[in-house]
N, C-alpha and C. Protein backbone atom coordinates (compact mmCIF):
# COMPACT_ATOMS: atom_id res chain seq x y z
N MET A 1 120.85 131.41 174.58
CA MET A 1 120.65 132.76 173.93
C MET A 1 121.99 133.05 173.09
N ILE A 2 123.09 132.70 173.63
CA ILE A 2 124.35 132.98 172.99
C ILE A 2 124.58 132.06 171.80
N ILE A 3 124.06 130.89 171.82
CA ILE A 3 124.15 129.96 170.65
C ILE A 3 123.30 130.63 169.39
N THR A 4 122.02 131.06 169.79
CA THR A 4 121.12 131.74 168.76
C THR A 4 121.88 132.93 168.09
N ILE A 5 122.53 133.74 168.93
CA ILE A 5 123.17 134.88 168.31
C ILE A 5 124.41 134.45 167.53
N SER A 6 125.02 133.47 167.94
CA SER A 6 126.26 132.88 167.11
C SER A 6 125.78 132.35 165.83
N LEU A 7 124.74 131.53 165.86
CA LEU A 7 124.20 130.99 164.69
C LEU A 7 123.75 132.02 163.70
N TYR A 8 122.99 133.01 164.16
CA TYR A 8 122.53 134.08 163.36
C TYR A 8 123.72 134.78 162.68
N ALA A 9 124.85 135.06 163.41
CA ALA A 9 125.89 135.83 162.88
C ALA A 9 126.61 134.97 161.87
N GLN A 10 126.62 133.62 161.90
CA GLN A 10 127.18 132.91 160.87
C GLN A 10 126.37 132.87 159.51
N GLU A 11 125.14 133.20 159.60
CA GLU A 11 124.29 133.20 158.36
C GLU A 11 124.39 134.43 157.61
N LYS A 12 124.87 135.52 158.22
CA LYS A 12 124.95 136.76 157.55
C LYS A 12 126.19 136.90 156.63
N PRO A 13 126.05 137.05 155.37
CA PRO A 13 127.13 137.11 154.47
C PRO A 13 128.22 138.20 154.80
N GLU A 14 129.47 138.00 154.53
CA GLU A 14 130.52 138.97 154.86
C GLU A 14 130.96 139.41 153.44
N GLY A 15 130.83 138.65 152.59
CA GLY A 15 131.57 138.90 151.20
C GLY A 15 133.02 138.55 151.31
N LEU A 16 133.66 138.69 150.09
CA LEU A 16 135.03 138.37 150.06
C LEU A 16 135.89 139.58 150.40
N PHE A 17 137.11 139.44 150.76
CA PHE A 17 137.81 140.49 151.11
C PHE A 17 139.03 140.78 150.11
N ILE A 18 139.63 142.01 150.25
CA ILE A 18 140.67 142.41 149.35
C ILE A 18 141.84 141.47 149.49
N ASN A 19 142.42 141.07 148.23
CA ASN A 19 143.56 140.14 148.31
C ASN A 19 143.12 138.72 148.41
N SER A 20 141.94 138.39 148.53
CA SER A 20 141.48 136.96 148.51
C SER A 20 141.40 136.57 147.00
N LYS A 21 141.27 135.27 146.78
CA LYS A 21 141.19 134.83 145.47
C LYS A 21 139.71 134.78 145.13
N ALA A 22 139.38 135.27 143.89
CA ALA A 22 138.08 135.38 143.51
C ALA A 22 137.70 134.03 142.85
N PRO A 23 136.48 133.55 143.29
CA PRO A 23 136.09 132.26 142.76
C PRO A 23 135.78 132.34 141.20
N ASP A 24 136.39 131.34 140.56
CA ASP A 24 136.08 131.33 139.07
C ASP A 24 134.55 130.85 138.85
N PHE A 25 134.03 131.28 137.74
CA PHE A 25 132.61 130.72 137.46
C PHE A 25 132.49 130.71 135.93
N LYS A 26 131.55 129.94 135.46
CA LYS A 26 131.13 129.86 133.97
C LYS A 26 129.65 129.90 133.99
N ALA A 27 129.11 130.94 133.28
CA ALA A 27 127.77 131.10 133.19
C ALA A 27 127.39 131.82 131.87
N LYS A 28 126.16 131.80 131.56
CA LYS A 28 125.71 132.50 130.36
C LYS A 28 125.06 133.80 130.71
N ASP A 29 125.30 134.82 129.83
CA ASP A 29 124.55 136.24 130.12
C ASP A 29 123.38 136.21 129.40
N GLN A 30 122.73 137.38 129.47
CA GLN A 30 121.40 137.62 128.79
C GLN A 30 121.40 137.26 127.39
N ASN A 31 122.42 137.23 126.73
CA ASN A 31 122.55 136.99 125.23
C ASN A 31 122.97 135.67 124.94
N GLN A 32 122.99 134.81 126.01
CA GLN A 32 123.38 133.36 125.90
C GLN A 32 124.93 133.22 125.59
N ASN A 33 125.65 134.38 125.67
CA ASN A 33 127.23 134.24 125.65
C ASN A 33 127.78 133.61 126.81
N VAL A 34 128.70 132.68 126.64
CA VAL A 34 129.32 132.02 127.92
C VAL A 34 130.28 132.94 128.45
N ILE A 35 130.25 133.27 129.66
CA ILE A 35 131.16 134.18 130.43
C ILE A 35 131.91 133.21 131.49
N GLU A 36 133.29 133.19 131.18
CA GLU A 36 134.15 132.35 132.07
C GLU A 36 135.13 133.43 132.74
N LEU A 37 135.05 133.47 134.00
CA LEU A 37 135.96 134.59 134.67
C LEU A 37 137.34 134.34 134.51
N LYS A 38 138.00 133.13 134.62
CA LYS A 38 139.28 132.87 134.42
C LYS A 38 139.82 133.28 132.86
N ASP A 39 138.74 133.18 131.99
CA ASP A 39 139.26 133.56 130.59
C ASP A 39 139.18 135.12 130.30
N ILE A 40 138.19 135.79 130.89
CA ILE A 40 138.04 137.27 130.63
C ILE A 40 138.92 138.08 131.48
N ARG A 41 139.36 137.49 132.59
CA ARG A 41 140.24 138.33 133.44
C ARG A 41 141.65 138.46 132.84
N LYS A 42 141.98 137.56 131.93
CA LYS A 42 143.36 137.57 131.17
C LYS A 42 143.38 138.81 130.38
N LYS A 43 142.23 139.34 129.92
CA LYS A 43 142.24 140.57 129.16
C LYS A 43 142.41 141.80 129.90
N GLY A 44 142.15 141.79 131.19
CA GLY A 44 142.20 142.97 132.20
C GLY A 44 141.36 142.75 133.24
N PRO A 45 141.35 143.83 134.21
CA PRO A 45 140.45 143.76 135.40
C PRO A 45 139.04 143.55 135.04
N VAL A 46 138.39 142.77 135.95
CA VAL A 46 136.97 142.61 135.79
C VAL A 46 136.15 143.23 136.94
N ILE A 47 135.08 143.98 136.67
CA ILE A 47 134.30 144.50 137.70
C ILE A 47 133.05 143.54 137.87
N ILE A 48 132.77 142.99 138.98
CA ILE A 48 131.72 142.25 139.25
C ILE A 48 130.79 143.01 140.11
N VAL A 49 129.55 143.04 139.61
CA VAL A 49 128.34 143.70 140.41
C VAL A 49 127.29 142.84 140.71
N PHE A 50 126.93 142.76 141.88
CA PHE A 50 125.70 141.98 142.37
C PHE A 50 124.64 142.90 142.59
N TYR A 51 123.40 142.55 142.02
CA TYR A 51 122.25 143.41 142.24
C TYR A 51 120.99 142.70 142.62
N ARG A 52 120.23 143.09 143.20
CA ARG A 52 118.92 142.49 143.73
C ARG A 52 117.81 142.26 142.60
N GLY A 53 117.60 143.33 141.86
CA GLY A 53 116.66 143.09 140.78
C GLY A 53 116.01 144.47 140.21
N TYR A 54 115.46 144.29 139.09
CA TYR A 54 114.96 145.44 138.32
C TYR A 54 113.94 146.34 139.27
N TRP A 55 113.37 145.83 140.17
CA TRP A 55 112.40 146.48 141.16
C TRP A 55 113.12 147.36 142.26
N CYS A 56 114.29 147.14 142.27
CA CYS A 56 115.11 147.94 143.39
C CYS A 56 115.67 149.25 142.81
N PRO A 57 114.96 150.34 143.16
CA PRO A 57 115.40 151.63 142.60
C PRO A 57 116.90 152.03 142.77
N TYR A 58 117.44 151.57 143.98
CA TYR A 58 118.84 151.85 144.26
C TYR A 58 119.81 151.07 143.36
N CYS A 59 119.46 149.79 143.03
CA CYS A 59 120.21 148.94 142.14
C CYS A 59 120.17 149.48 140.71
N SER A 60 118.95 149.90 140.27
CA SER A 60 118.78 150.45 138.84
C SER A 60 119.54 151.77 138.70
N LYS A 61 119.45 152.56 139.79
CA LYS A 61 120.39 153.77 139.56
C LYS A 61 121.75 153.44 139.49
N GLU A 62 122.23 152.58 140.27
CA GLU A 62 123.71 152.16 140.07
C GLU A 62 124.07 151.59 138.68
N LEU A 63 123.13 150.72 138.38
CA LEU A 63 123.40 150.05 136.98
C LEU A 63 123.49 151.13 135.83
N GLN A 64 122.53 152.13 136.00
CA GLN A 64 122.47 153.10 134.93
C GLN A 64 123.78 153.96 134.97
N LYS A 65 124.25 154.23 136.23
CA LYS A 65 125.49 154.90 136.39
C LYS A 65 126.69 154.19 135.60
N LEU A 66 126.67 152.90 135.88
CA LEU A 66 127.71 152.06 135.29
C LEU A 66 127.49 152.03 133.78
N GLU A 67 126.37 152.00 133.32
CA GLU A 67 126.16 151.92 131.88
C GLU A 67 126.65 153.29 131.31
N ASP A 68 126.26 154.47 131.90
CA ASP A 68 126.71 155.72 131.51
C ASP A 68 128.29 155.78 131.50
N SER A 69 129.00 155.08 132.45
CA SER A 69 130.36 155.14 132.60
C SER A 69 131.12 154.02 131.97
N LEU A 70 130.48 153.14 131.10
CA LEU A 70 130.96 152.00 130.44
C LEU A 70 132.20 152.53 129.41
N PRO A 71 132.18 153.63 128.74
CA PRO A 71 133.27 154.05 127.90
C PRO A 71 134.53 154.24 128.94
N LEU A 72 134.31 154.94 130.06
CA LEU A 72 135.38 155.04 131.01
C LEU A 72 135.98 153.82 131.57
N ILE A 73 135.04 152.91 131.78
CA ILE A 73 135.58 151.54 132.36
C ILE A 73 136.44 150.82 131.19
N LYS A 74 135.88 150.82 130.03
CA LYS A 74 136.67 150.16 128.85
C LYS A 74 137.88 150.72 128.58
N GLU A 75 137.86 152.16 128.71
CA GLU A 75 139.20 152.94 128.44
C GLU A 75 140.25 152.51 129.41
N LYS A 76 139.85 152.10 130.66
CA LYS A 76 140.80 151.64 131.62
C LYS A 76 141.21 150.14 131.52
N GLY A 77 140.74 149.55 130.39
CA GLY A 77 141.00 148.14 130.05
C GLY A 77 140.20 147.20 130.85
N ALA A 78 138.99 147.58 131.40
CA ALA A 78 138.23 146.70 132.37
C ALA A 78 136.97 146.23 131.58
N GLN A 79 136.43 145.19 132.23
CA GLN A 79 135.21 144.60 131.63
C GLN A 79 134.21 144.65 132.92
N LEU A 80 132.94 144.77 132.52
CA LEU A 80 131.86 144.85 133.58
C LEU A 80 130.96 143.48 133.39
N ILE A 81 130.79 142.96 134.52
CA ILE A 81 129.85 141.76 134.59
C ILE A 81 128.92 142.13 135.81
N VAL A 82 127.58 141.81 135.47
CA VAL A 82 126.51 142.08 136.56
C VAL A 82 125.85 140.79 136.83
N ILE A 83 125.65 140.56 137.98
CA ILE A 83 125.02 139.18 138.48
C ILE A 83 123.83 139.34 139.25
N THR A 84 122.72 138.60 139.05
CA THR A 84 121.42 138.78 139.56
C THR A 84 120.77 137.38 139.82
N PRO A 85 119.85 137.14 140.83
CA PRO A 85 119.17 135.99 140.98
C PRO A 85 117.89 136.10 140.04
N GLU A 86 117.63 137.16 139.35
CA GLU A 86 116.38 137.26 138.62
C GLU A 86 116.29 136.40 137.51
N LYS A 87 115.08 136.00 137.08
CA LYS A 87 114.70 135.19 135.81
C LYS A 87 114.90 136.16 134.67
N GLN A 88 114.85 135.69 133.50
CA GLN A 88 115.09 136.47 132.08
C GLN A 88 114.09 137.65 132.19
N GLU A 89 112.93 137.54 132.48
CA GLU A 89 111.92 138.57 132.50
C GLU A 89 112.38 139.88 133.23
N GLY A 90 112.97 139.47 134.42
CA GLY A 90 113.45 140.70 135.26
C GLY A 90 114.63 141.26 134.72
N VAL A 91 115.50 140.46 134.14
CA VAL A 91 116.77 141.02 133.43
C VAL A 91 116.28 141.83 132.36
N SER A 92 115.31 141.45 131.51
CA SER A 92 114.78 142.18 130.38
C SER A 92 114.25 143.59 130.82
N LYS A 93 113.69 143.58 132.06
CA LYS A 93 113.08 144.88 132.63
C LYS A 93 114.41 145.84 133.03
N THR A 94 115.46 145.18 133.64
CA THR A 94 116.63 145.96 133.88
C THR A 94 117.32 146.51 132.69
N ILE A 95 117.32 145.83 131.58
CA ILE A 95 117.94 146.29 130.45
C ILE A 95 117.10 147.34 129.77
N GLU A 96 115.72 147.15 129.85
CA GLU A 96 114.78 148.30 129.48
C GLU A 96 114.99 149.67 130.24
N LYS A 97 115.12 149.45 131.51
CA LYS A 97 115.34 150.66 132.36
C LYS A 97 116.61 151.26 132.16
N THR A 98 117.80 150.58 132.06
CA THR A 98 119.13 151.08 132.15
C THR A 98 119.78 151.16 130.78
N LYS A 99 119.26 150.51 129.69
CA LYS A 99 119.77 150.48 128.43
C LYS A 99 121.16 149.57 128.51
N ALA A 100 121.40 148.77 129.47
CA ALA A 100 122.68 148.13 129.67
C ALA A 100 122.93 147.22 128.51
N ILE A 101 124.31 147.41 128.13
CA ILE A 101 124.81 146.63 127.00
C ILE A 101 125.97 145.67 127.54
N TYR A 102 126.27 145.75 128.86
CA TYR A 102 127.24 144.81 129.49
C TYR A 102 126.52 143.51 129.77
N SER A 103 127.31 142.55 130.19
CA SER A 103 126.82 141.21 130.47
C SER A 103 126.15 141.21 131.81
N ILE A 104 124.93 140.65 131.64
CA ILE A 104 124.16 140.31 132.97
C ILE A 104 123.99 138.74 133.02
N ILE A 105 124.40 138.19 134.19
CA ILE A 105 124.35 136.85 134.39
C ILE A 105 123.26 136.47 135.41
N ILE A 106 122.35 135.54 134.99
CA ILE A 106 121.37 135.06 135.78
C ILE A 106 121.96 133.80 136.57
N ASP A 107 122.03 134.16 137.92
CA ASP A 107 122.64 133.22 138.76
C ASP A 107 121.46 132.39 139.47
N ASP A 108 120.74 131.66 138.70
CA ASP A 108 119.38 131.11 139.18
C ASP A 108 119.65 129.92 140.31
N ASP A 109 120.84 129.45 140.23
CA ASP A 109 121.00 128.38 141.35
C ASP A 109 121.92 128.96 142.48
N MET A 110 122.27 130.31 142.46
CA MET A 110 122.87 131.16 143.51
C MET A 110 124.25 130.61 143.78
N LYS A 111 124.91 129.83 142.83
CA LYS A 111 126.25 129.29 143.05
C LYS A 111 127.31 130.54 143.08
N ILE A 112 127.26 131.32 142.17
CA ILE A 112 128.02 132.48 142.20
C ILE A 112 127.89 133.34 143.33
N MET A 113 126.69 133.67 143.74
CA MET A 113 126.46 134.58 144.91
C MET A 113 126.99 133.97 146.24
N LYS A 114 126.73 132.64 146.31
CA LYS A 114 127.23 131.88 147.47
C LYS A 114 128.69 131.85 147.54
N ALA A 115 129.24 131.64 146.41
CA ALA A 115 130.71 131.47 146.29
C ALA A 115 131.45 132.97 146.68
N TYR A 116 130.77 133.94 146.44
CA TYR A 116 131.30 135.37 146.75
C TYR A 116 130.70 135.79 148.22
N ASP A 117 130.02 134.97 148.83
CA ASP A 117 129.52 135.28 150.12
C ASP A 117 128.54 136.56 150.06
N VAL A 118 127.74 136.67 149.08
CA VAL A 118 126.85 137.96 149.17
C VAL A 118 125.37 137.39 149.33
N ALA A 119 125.09 136.20 149.25
CA ALA A 119 123.75 135.74 149.28
C ALA A 119 123.21 135.70 150.72
N TYR A 120 121.85 136.20 150.98
CA TYR A 120 121.29 136.12 152.23
C TYR A 120 119.87 135.69 152.05
N LEU A 121 119.44 135.09 153.05
CA LEU A 121 117.95 134.52 153.12
C LEU A 121 117.20 135.83 153.63
N VAL A 122 116.09 136.05 152.79
CA VAL A 122 115.21 137.11 153.11
C VAL A 122 114.21 136.55 154.02
N ASP A 123 113.93 137.30 155.20
CA ASP A 123 113.00 136.77 156.02
C ASP A 123 111.48 136.86 155.56
N ASP A 124 110.63 136.05 156.11
CA ASP A 124 109.27 136.01 155.64
C ASP A 124 108.50 137.45 155.68
N LYS A 125 108.73 138.03 156.74
CA LYS A 125 108.14 139.32 156.96
C LYS A 125 108.42 140.36 155.75
N THR A 126 109.75 140.37 155.37
CA THR A 126 110.23 141.31 154.36
C THR A 126 109.62 140.80 152.99
N VAL A 127 109.58 139.42 152.71
CA VAL A 127 109.02 138.88 151.56
C VAL A 127 107.60 139.27 151.38
N GLY A 128 106.92 139.25 152.57
CA GLY A 128 105.53 139.59 152.61
C GLY A 128 105.35 141.15 152.23
N ARG A 129 106.28 141.96 152.75
CA ARG A 129 106.10 143.41 152.50
C ARG A 129 106.30 143.63 150.98
N TYR A 130 107.30 143.02 150.41
CA TYR A 130 107.55 143.16 149.04
C TYR A 130 106.42 142.66 148.24
N LYS A 131 105.72 141.62 148.64
CA LYS A 131 104.57 140.98 147.97
C LYS A 131 103.44 142.12 147.97
N THR A 132 103.18 142.70 149.14
CA THR A 132 102.25 143.67 149.27
C THR A 132 102.36 144.91 148.37
N ALA A 133 103.67 145.14 148.09
CA ALA A 133 104.07 146.32 147.22
C ALA A 133 104.08 145.86 145.69
N GLY A 134 103.69 144.56 145.55
CA GLY A 134 103.41 143.97 144.04
C GLY A 134 104.88 143.34 143.59
N ILE A 135 105.70 143.07 144.45
CA ILE A 135 106.91 142.41 144.03
C ILE A 135 107.05 140.99 144.62
N ASP A 136 106.81 139.93 143.67
CA ASP A 136 106.73 138.69 144.29
C ASP A 136 108.23 137.93 143.96
N LEU A 137 109.10 138.07 145.09
CA LEU A 137 110.44 137.59 144.92
C LEU A 137 110.57 136.07 144.50
N ALA A 138 109.51 135.39 145.05
CA ALA A 138 109.63 133.92 144.67
C ALA A 138 109.36 133.78 143.12
N ALA A 139 108.46 134.35 142.60
CA ALA A 139 108.17 134.26 141.16
C ALA A 139 109.28 135.02 140.31
N ASN A 140 109.74 136.08 140.81
CA ASN A 140 110.61 136.84 140.11
C ASN A 140 112.08 136.14 139.99
N ASN A 141 112.42 135.44 141.00
CA ASN A 141 113.64 134.87 141.08
C ASN A 141 113.64 133.29 140.79
N GLY A 142 112.40 132.76 140.69
CA GLY A 142 112.22 131.28 140.47
C GLY A 142 112.60 130.55 141.77
N GLN A 143 112.47 131.13 142.89
CA GLN A 143 112.84 130.42 144.16
C GLN A 143 111.58 129.99 144.85
N LYS A 144 111.74 129.11 145.73
CA LYS A 144 110.67 128.52 146.53
C LYS A 144 110.32 129.45 147.73
N PRO A 145 108.96 129.69 148.13
CA PRO A 145 108.62 130.55 149.28
C PRO A 145 109.27 129.91 150.36
N GLY A 146 109.75 130.60 151.18
CA GLY A 146 110.38 130.22 152.52
C GLY A 146 112.03 130.02 152.19
N ALA A 147 112.37 130.11 151.06
CA ALA A 147 113.87 130.04 150.74
C ALA A 147 114.14 131.03 149.71
N ILE A 148 113.94 132.35 149.95
CA ILE A 148 114.16 133.34 149.04
C ILE A 148 115.44 134.05 149.37
N TYR A 149 116.31 133.97 148.34
CA TYR A 149 117.65 134.63 148.68
C TYR A 149 117.81 135.84 147.61
N LEU A 150 118.48 136.85 148.17
CA LEU A 150 118.91 137.90 147.39
C LEU A 150 120.46 138.24 147.79
N PRO A 151 121.08 138.99 146.82
CA PRO A 151 122.55 139.36 147.07
C PRO A 151 122.62 140.54 147.85
N VAL A 152 123.56 140.74 148.76
CA VAL A 152 123.83 142.17 149.27
C VAL A 152 124.47 142.91 147.86
N PRO A 153 123.97 144.12 147.69
CA PRO A 153 124.56 144.81 146.47
C PRO A 153 126.06 144.97 146.86
N ALA A 154 126.98 144.26 146.12
CA ALA A 154 128.37 144.20 146.31
C ALA A 154 128.99 144.48 144.93
N VAL A 155 130.25 144.96 145.12
CA VAL A 155 131.02 145.20 143.72
C VAL A 155 132.46 144.74 144.19
N TYR A 156 133.11 144.00 143.15
CA TYR A 156 134.33 143.53 143.37
C TYR A 156 135.19 143.91 142.11
N ILE A 157 136.47 144.23 142.16
CA ILE A 157 137.29 144.41 140.89
C ILE A 157 138.32 143.16 141.26
N VAL A 158 138.34 142.33 140.16
CA VAL A 158 139.17 141.17 140.07
C VAL A 158 140.30 141.43 139.15
N GLY A 159 141.55 141.33 139.52
CA GLY A 159 142.68 141.53 138.74
C GLY A 159 142.95 140.45 137.82
N LYS A 160 143.98 140.65 136.94
CA LYS A 160 144.43 139.60 136.03
C LYS A 160 144.80 138.41 136.75
N ASP A 161 145.34 138.42 137.90
CA ASP A 161 145.90 137.39 138.74
C ASP A 161 144.91 136.66 139.61
N GLY A 162 143.56 137.19 139.42
CA GLY A 162 142.53 136.43 140.05
C GLY A 162 142.21 136.84 141.48
N GLU A 163 142.98 137.84 141.97
CA GLU A 163 142.79 138.51 143.23
C GLU A 163 141.81 139.61 143.28
N ILE A 164 141.07 139.83 144.35
CA ILE A 164 140.19 140.81 144.54
C ILE A 164 141.09 142.08 144.95
N LYS A 165 140.91 143.17 144.01
CA LYS A 165 141.66 144.40 144.34
C LYS A 165 140.93 145.54 144.91
N TYR A 166 139.57 145.41 144.75
CA TYR A 166 138.62 146.33 145.39
C TYR A 166 137.31 145.68 145.75
N ARG A 167 136.80 146.23 146.85
CA ARG A 167 135.56 145.49 147.28
C ARG A 167 134.70 146.64 147.82
N PHE A 168 133.37 146.56 147.50
CA PHE A 168 132.38 147.43 148.19
C PHE A 168 131.30 146.47 148.60
N PHE A 169 131.04 146.44 150.02
CA PHE A 169 130.05 145.49 150.42
C PHE A 169 129.36 146.17 151.54
N ASP A 170 128.02 146.41 151.54
CA ASP A 170 127.26 147.04 152.42
C ASP A 170 125.94 146.49 152.50
N ALA A 171 125.51 145.87 153.61
CA ALA A 171 124.24 145.09 153.68
C ALA A 171 123.09 146.10 153.56
N ASP A 172 123.30 147.37 153.73
CA ASP A 172 122.28 148.33 153.47
C ASP A 172 122.14 148.64 151.95
N TYR A 173 121.06 148.13 151.34
CA TYR A 173 120.95 148.15 149.90
C TYR A 173 120.84 149.60 149.43
N ARG A 174 120.61 150.47 150.33
CA ARG A 174 120.38 151.99 149.93
C ARG A 174 121.95 152.63 149.57
N ASN A 175 122.84 152.03 150.09
CA ASN A 175 124.28 152.37 149.93
C ASN A 175 124.80 151.53 148.72
N GLN A 176 125.32 152.31 147.80
CA GLN A 176 125.85 151.68 146.59
C GLN A 176 127.26 152.16 146.39
N ALA A 177 128.11 151.49 145.58
CA ALA A 177 129.42 151.94 145.29
C ALA A 177 129.37 153.11 144.39
N PHE A 178 130.36 154.12 144.64
CA PHE A 178 130.49 155.19 143.72
C PHE A 178 131.23 154.81 142.44
N VAL A 179 130.67 155.18 141.34
CA VAL A 179 131.48 154.85 140.13
C VAL A 179 132.87 155.48 140.13
N LYS A 180 132.88 156.73 140.75
CA LYS A 180 134.26 157.32 140.94
C LYS A 180 135.37 156.37 141.60
N ASP A 181 134.83 155.78 142.71
CA ASP A 181 135.78 154.97 143.54
C ASP A 181 136.06 153.73 142.62
N ILE A 182 135.21 153.09 141.86
CA ILE A 182 135.49 152.01 141.10
C ILE A 182 136.55 152.31 140.06
N LEU A 183 136.17 153.45 139.35
CA LEU A 183 137.30 153.95 138.36
C LEU A 183 138.66 154.18 138.99
N ASN A 184 138.68 154.74 139.92
CA ASN A 184 140.02 155.11 140.75
C ASN A 184 140.74 153.86 141.12
N ASN A 185 139.95 152.71 141.39
CA ASN A 185 140.62 151.54 141.78
C ASN A 185 140.95 150.61 140.59
N LEU A 186 140.62 151.17 139.33
CA LEU A 186 141.18 150.43 138.29
C LEU A 186 142.50 150.96 137.79
N VAL A 187 142.93 152.13 138.23
CA VAL A 187 144.18 152.71 137.84
C VAL A 187 145.32 151.74 138.23
N GLY A 188 146.12 151.46 137.16
CA GLY A 188 147.34 150.52 137.33
C GLY A 188 147.03 149.08 137.34
N LEU A 189 145.83 148.77 137.01
CA LEU A 189 145.40 147.26 136.99
C LEU A 189 145.39 146.76 135.61
N LYS A 190 145.69 147.35 134.52
CA LYS A 190 145.72 146.82 133.13
C LYS A 190 146.49 145.60 132.96
C-alpha cells in the first residue's frame, strides 16, 4: 500500500518553482507565428499561462481578464503566451469567447506542458463525466482514450534571464491567478 501511494504521488504534477530555469520551447501560435521563448524573453518578461480548454468556464474567465488587462501587461514591458492541449477548433472557440489577440500555442504533443510539469492524466471516470456533459476531451485534444492529459491551470512569469519570477499553481481548476498579482509581480522586471 505504501508503494501505491508513493507511485501515485509521483504522477501528480508539481509545476516549476520560483528561481528555477524555465524550459525553452519553440512552437507555433494560432496564427502560425513561430514563438521561441529564448528569443521573446530578451524583449522583457514573459507571462506563460496554461489552460484546459474553451469548455472550462474558469479558464475562459481568466483568459478574458488577461485580454482586458493586455494594455497594462504591455505597459509593463511584458508579453503574454497562452498554452493549451486543444486542437485548432477549440482554440478558435476560445478566441471567439475571449476576443484574445495574444499568442495561443497548441501543445498537441504535450512537450511544453510536461517540461513545465503541469500535465496530468485525467482519470476515466472524469473523462466519462465530461463526455456526458458534451465535452469529448479525446476528440477536442486529439488524444487517445485512456491517455487524456490536461494542464493544471498554471501561470509563470519568466524573466529576461530565463528564471521563473512568479508562479501560480493550483490543482483546483476553480482557483485562478489574480491579474492584479500577475501585474504586481511584473514590477521591476523590464
